Amino acid sequence: MEGETYHVFNRGAHKQRIFIDEVDHRRFQILLLLANSTERIDVGNILTKYQGPALVNLFENEKPDMALVDIFAYSLMPNHFHLVLRQKIEGGISKFMLKVCTGYSMYFNLKHDHSGTLFQGKFKSSHIDTDPYHKWIFAYVHLNPAALIESTWENSGIENTPRAKEFLGGYSYSSYFDYYTAHRPERMILAHQEALQYIDNQKDVNELLATYAHGRVLYPGLEA
């Protein structure tokens, strides 16, 4: 529904990795930016203008009309991804995800000589219908990469908070970096200013953990 916000997620078919290296992560981030338009975007032609270190300039120079969705948060994991999206037009999320996933699948299959389905069916979504739920999802998505250093964090909590904070702060494949670490060109992916209302009491990883723990009983059963 137009104006509503959703948690959108998907994983690799058979739980296979969908991000192998830094270039894969970067391509998905580029697609999050460029696919957010009602217009057809030729990613290949755009990329030819940005080679090597100049690639980072793409995020500031090629921002499209952002007509399909507002992206509030994202995290990219080795075999899955999470997005928090607000739909701006009717069918906007479906159109956006089709463009992102089709574009990324074509890229991945060609680069890694992969055949067959890359993703585990159509993306899944959950309607975020309350402010507490939104704050909890925001915390969950941004804490998700902690699984790379503490695999049981969702159920057992994070044992080494300083280590987790350092790791999350340097993890560049998540919007955590854009809210809690530093300004970078990739912030252009986000509806950053509008999302700030959801982190008014989440100053760092400790507040994110508290928000996640508080809502875990109310919102169980998320697929990761």
Protein backbone atom coordinates (compact mmCIF):
# COMPACT_ATOMS: atom_id res chain seq x y z
CA MET A 1 0.00 0.00 0.00
CA GLU A 2 1.24 3.49 -0.84
CA GLY A 3 2.88 5.22 2.11
CA GLU A 4 3.28 1.99 4.13
CA THR A 5 6.59 0.58 5.31
CA TYR A 6 7.76 -3.02 4.98
CA HIS A 7 10.63 -5.23 6.03
CA VAL A 8 11.76 -6.96 2.82
CA PHE A 9 14.17 -9.87 2.79
CA ASN A 10 15.39 -12.79 0.73
CA ARG A 11 18.17 -15.36 0.72
CA GLY A 12 20.11 -17.35 -1.80
CA ALA A 13 18.51 -20.49 -3.19
CA HIS A 14 19.49 -23.48 -1.05
CA LYS A 15 21.07 -20.95 1.32
CA GLN A 16 23.92 -20.40 -1.15
CA ARG A 17 26.06 -17.29 -0.94
CA ILE A 18 24.84 -14.37 -3.00
CA PHE A 19 27.70 -12.03 -2.11
CA ILE A 20 31.17 -13.48 -2.70
CA ASP A 21 33.42 -10.44 -2.66
CA GLU A 22 33.48 -6.68 -2.27
CA VAL A 23 32.55 -6.10 -5.91
CA ASP A 24 29.34 -8.10 -5.44
CA HIS A 25 28.32 -6.04 -2.42
CA ARG A 26 29.10 -2.85 -4.28
CA ARG A 27 27.03 -3.87 -7.30
CA PHE A 28 24.01 -4.55 -5.08
CA GLN A 29 24.42 -1.15 -3.39
CA ILE A 30 24.59 0.50 -6.81
CA LEU A 31 21.40 -1.27 -7.83
CA LEU A 32 19.66 -0.10 -4.65
CA LEU A 33 20.41 3.42 -5.81
CA LEU A 34 19.83 3.20 -9.55
CA ALA A 35 16.80 0.87 -9.58
CA ASN A 36 14.79 3.28 -7.45
CA SER A 37 13.24 4.98 -10.45
CA THR A 38 10.23 4.62 -12.72
CA GLU A 39 12.60 5.08 -15.65
CA ARG A 40 14.67 2.32 -17.23
CA ILE A 41 18.29 2.59 -16.12
CA ASP A 42 21.19 1.13 -18.14
CA VAL A 43 23.57 0.19 -15.33
CA GLY A 44 26.28 -0.95 -17.73
CA ASN A 45 26.43 2.40 -19.51
CA ILE A 46 26.51 4.27 -16.21
CA LEU A 47 29.31 2.12 -14.83
CA THR A 48 31.49 2.79 -17.87
CA LYS A 49 31.74 6.41 -16.69
CA TYR A 50 33.16 5.40 -13.32
CA GLN A 51 36.30 3.29 -13.17
CA GLY A 52 38.42 2.37 -10.16
CA PRO A 53 38.40 4.95 -7.35
CA ALA A 54 35.96 7.11 -9.32
CA LEU A 55 33.20 4.56 -8.73
CA VAL A 56 32.29 6.15 -5.41
CA ASN A 57 31.32 9.32 -7.29
CA LEU A 58 28.45 7.42 -8.87
CA PHE A 59 26.44 7.65 -5.65
CA GLU A 60 26.42 11.44 -5.71
CA ASN A 61 26.29 12.03 -9.46
CA GLU A 62 23.75 9.47 -10.64
CA LYS A 63 20.94 9.66 -8.11
CA PRO A 64 17.67 8.92 -9.96
CA ASP A 65 14.24 10.31 -9.18
CA MET A 66 13.73 7.90 -6.22
CA ALA A 67 10.09 7.49 -7.21
CA LEU A 68 9.42 3.87 -6.20
CA VAL A 69 10.43 3.54 -2.55
CA ASP A 70 12.13 5.25 0.36
CA ILE A 71 14.98 3.11 1.66
CA PHE A 72 15.29 3.51 5.41
CA ALA A 73 17.76 0.73 6.19
CA TYR A 74 19.56 -2.26 4.68
CA SER A 75 22.10 -4.92 5.50
CA LEU A 76 23.77 -7.34 3.13
CA MET A 77 24.86 -10.70 4.50
CA PRO A 78 26.76 -13.49 2.72
CA ASN A 79 23.62 -15.44 1.80
CA HIS A 80 20.75 -13.01 2.36
CA PHE A 81 19.73 -9.36 2.60
CA HIS A 82 17.36 -7.18 4.62
CA LEU A 83 15.72 -3.92 3.51
CA VAL A 84 13.34 -1.51 5.22
CA LEU A 85 11.29 0.17 2.50
CA ARG A 86 8.42 2.64 2.37
CA GLN A 87 6.32 2.33 -0.75
CA LYS A 88 5.90 5.63 -2.60
CA ILE A 89 3.61 4.53 -5.44
CA GLU A 90 1.24 1.63 -5.92
CA GLY A 91 3.28 -1.50 -6.60
CA GLY A 92 6.50 0.41 -5.98
CA ILE A 93 8.18 -2.23 -3.83
CA SER A 94 7.44 -5.05 -6.26
CA LYS A 95 8.76 -3.00 -9.20
CA PHE A 96 11.84 -1.97 -7.25
CA MET A 97 12.65 -5.50 -6.09
CA LEU A 98 12.13 -6.91 -9.59
CA LYS A 99 14.65 -4.43 -10.98
CA VAL A 100 17.17 -5.00 -8.21
CA CYS A 101 16.99 -8.79 -8.10
CA THR A 102 16.84 -9.28 -11.87
CA GLY A 103 19.76 -6.94 -12.42
CA TYR A 104 21.80 -8.53 -9.68
CA SER A 105 21.04 -12.10 -10.80
CA MET A 106 22.16 -11.31 -14.35
CA TYR A 107 25.37 -9.76 -13.04
CA PHE A 108 26.08 -12.59 -10.57
CA ASN A 109 25.41 -15.41 -13.01
CA LEU A 110 27.71 -13.90 -15.61
CA LYS A 111 30.53 -13.03 -13.22
CA HIS A 112 30.53 -16.27 -11.24
CA ASP A 113 29.52 -18.61 -14.08
CA HIS A 114 26.39 -19.52 -12.16
CA SER A 115 23.31 -21.06 -13.73
CA GLY A 116 19.83 -21.46 -12.36
CA THR A 117 17.94 -19.47 -9.77
CA LEU A 118 20.01 -17.25 -7.51
CA PHE A 119 17.37 -16.26 -4.97
CA GLN A 120 15.02 -18.44 -2.95
CA GLY A 121 11.87 -17.53 -4.82
CA LYS A 122 10.16 -14.16 -4.60
CA PHE A 123 11.21 -11.78 -1.86
CA LYS A 124 9.34 -11.96 1.43
CA SER A 125 7.92 -8.97 3.28
CA SER A 126 6.41 -8.01 6.60
CA HIS A 127 4.20 -4.97 7.07
CA ILE A 128 5.59 -2.57 9.68
CA ASP A 129 2.39 -1.19 11.12
CA THR A 130 3.45 0.41 14.43
CA ASP A 131 6.18 2.79 15.52
CA PRO A 132 7.62 0.33 18.10
CA TYR A 133 7.75 -2.36 15.41
CA HIS A 134 9.57 0.04 13.09
CA LYS A 135 12.17 0.86 15.74
CA TRP A 136 12.62 -2.84 16.46
CA ILE A 137 13.08 -3.75 12.78
CA PHE A 138 15.53 -0.87 12.42
CA ALA A 139 17.56 -2.34 15.30
CA TYR A 140 17.25 -5.91 13.99
CA VAL A 141 18.41 -5.05 10.47
CA HIS A 142 21.40 -3.05 11.69
CA LEU A 143 22.44 -5.67 14.24
CA ASN A 144 22.14 -8.53 11.74
CA PRO A 145 25.80 -8.46 10.61
CA ALA A 146 26.80 -9.23 14.21
CA ALA A 147 26.06 -12.85 13.27
CA LEU A 148 29.34 -12.83 11.34
CA ILE A 149 31.27 -12.62 14.61
CA GLU A 150 28.74 -13.99 17.10
CA SER A 151 26.48 -16.48 15.36
CA THR A 152 24.03 -16.88 18.27
CA TRP A 153 23.47 -13.19 19.01
CA GLU A 154 19.75 -13.24 18.10
CA ASN A 155 18.89 -15.70 20.84
CA SER A 156 21.74 -15.33 23.32
CA GLY A 157 22.59 -11.67 22.97
CA ILE A 158 25.98 -10.20 22.16
CA GLU A 159 28.68 -11.28 24.58
CA ASN A 160 31.36 -8.78 23.59
CA THR A 161 29.62 -5.46 22.98
CA PRO A 162 32.76 -3.35 22.35
CA ARG A 163 33.92 -5.85 19.73
CA ALA A 164 30.47 -5.89 18.11
CA LYS A 165 30.33 -2.10 18.06
CA GLU A 166 33.72 -1.93 16.36
CA PHE A 167 32.74 -4.56 13.83
CA LEU A 168 29.36 -3.03 12.98
CA GLY A 169 30.89 0.43 12.74
CA GLY A 170 33.30 -0.78 10.09
CA TYR A 171 30.90 -3.00 8.16
CA SER A 172 30.39 -1.05 4.96
CA TYR A 173 27.64 -3.27 3.51
CA SER A 174 24.97 -1.93 5.84
CA SER A 175 23.30 1.40 6.47
CA TYR A 176 24.51 1.15 10.08
CA PHE A 177 27.63 2.87 8.76
CA ASP A 178 25.58 5.80 7.46
CA TYR A 179 23.67 6.36 10.70
CA TYR A 180 26.30 5.61 13.32
CA THR A 181 29.79 5.82 11.81
CA ALA A 182 30.39 8.58 9.26
CA HIS A 183 29.09 10.37 6.20
CA ARG A 184 29.89 8.69 2.89
CA PRO A 185 28.57 8.92 -0.69
CA GLU A 186 26.60 5.68 -0.25
CA ARG A 187 24.25 7.56 2.08
CA MET A 188 22.50 8.71 -1.09
CA ILE A 189 20.86 5.27 -1.22
CA LEU A 190 18.82 6.19 1.84
CA ALA A 191 15.96 8.48 2.73
CA HIS A 192 18.33 9.41 5.52
CA GLN A 193 16.71 12.49 6.99
CA GLU A 194 13.26 10.92 7.14
CA ALA A 195 14.62 7.82 8.85
CA LEU A 196 16.25 9.78 11.67
CA GLN A 197 12.93 9.75 13.55
CA TYR A 198 13.41 6.03 14.12
CA ILE A 199 16.79 6.37 15.80
CA ASP A 200 15.98 9.23 18.16
CA ASN A 201 16.69 6.96 21.12
CA GLN A 202 19.11 4.57 19.44
CA LYS A 203 22.43 6.34 19.78
CA ASP A 204 24.69 3.32 19.31
CA VAL A 205 24.86 -0.45 19.46
CA ASN A 206 23.82 -0.57 23.13
CA GLU A 207 20.51 1.16 22.40
CA LEU A 208 19.98 -1.03 19.34
CA LEU A 209 20.50 -4.11 21.49
CA ALA A 210 18.08 -2.83 24.11
CA THR A 211 15.43 -2.13 21.46
CA TYR A 212 15.90 -5.56 19.89
CA ALA A 213 15.71 -7.37 23.24
CA HIS A 214 12.59 -5.44 24.24
CA GLY A 215 10.71 -6.38 21.09
CA ARG A 216 11.97 -9.92 20.58
CA VAL A 217 9.01 -11.46 22.42
CA LEU A 218 6.50 -9.33 20.52
CA TYR A 219 7.95 -9.93 17.06
CA PRO A 220 9.38 -13.48 16.98
CA GLY A 221 10.00 -15.74 14.04
CA LEU A 222 11.82 -13.49 11.57
CA GLU A 223 13.59 -15.35 8.80
CA ALA A 224 17.23 -14.32 8.50
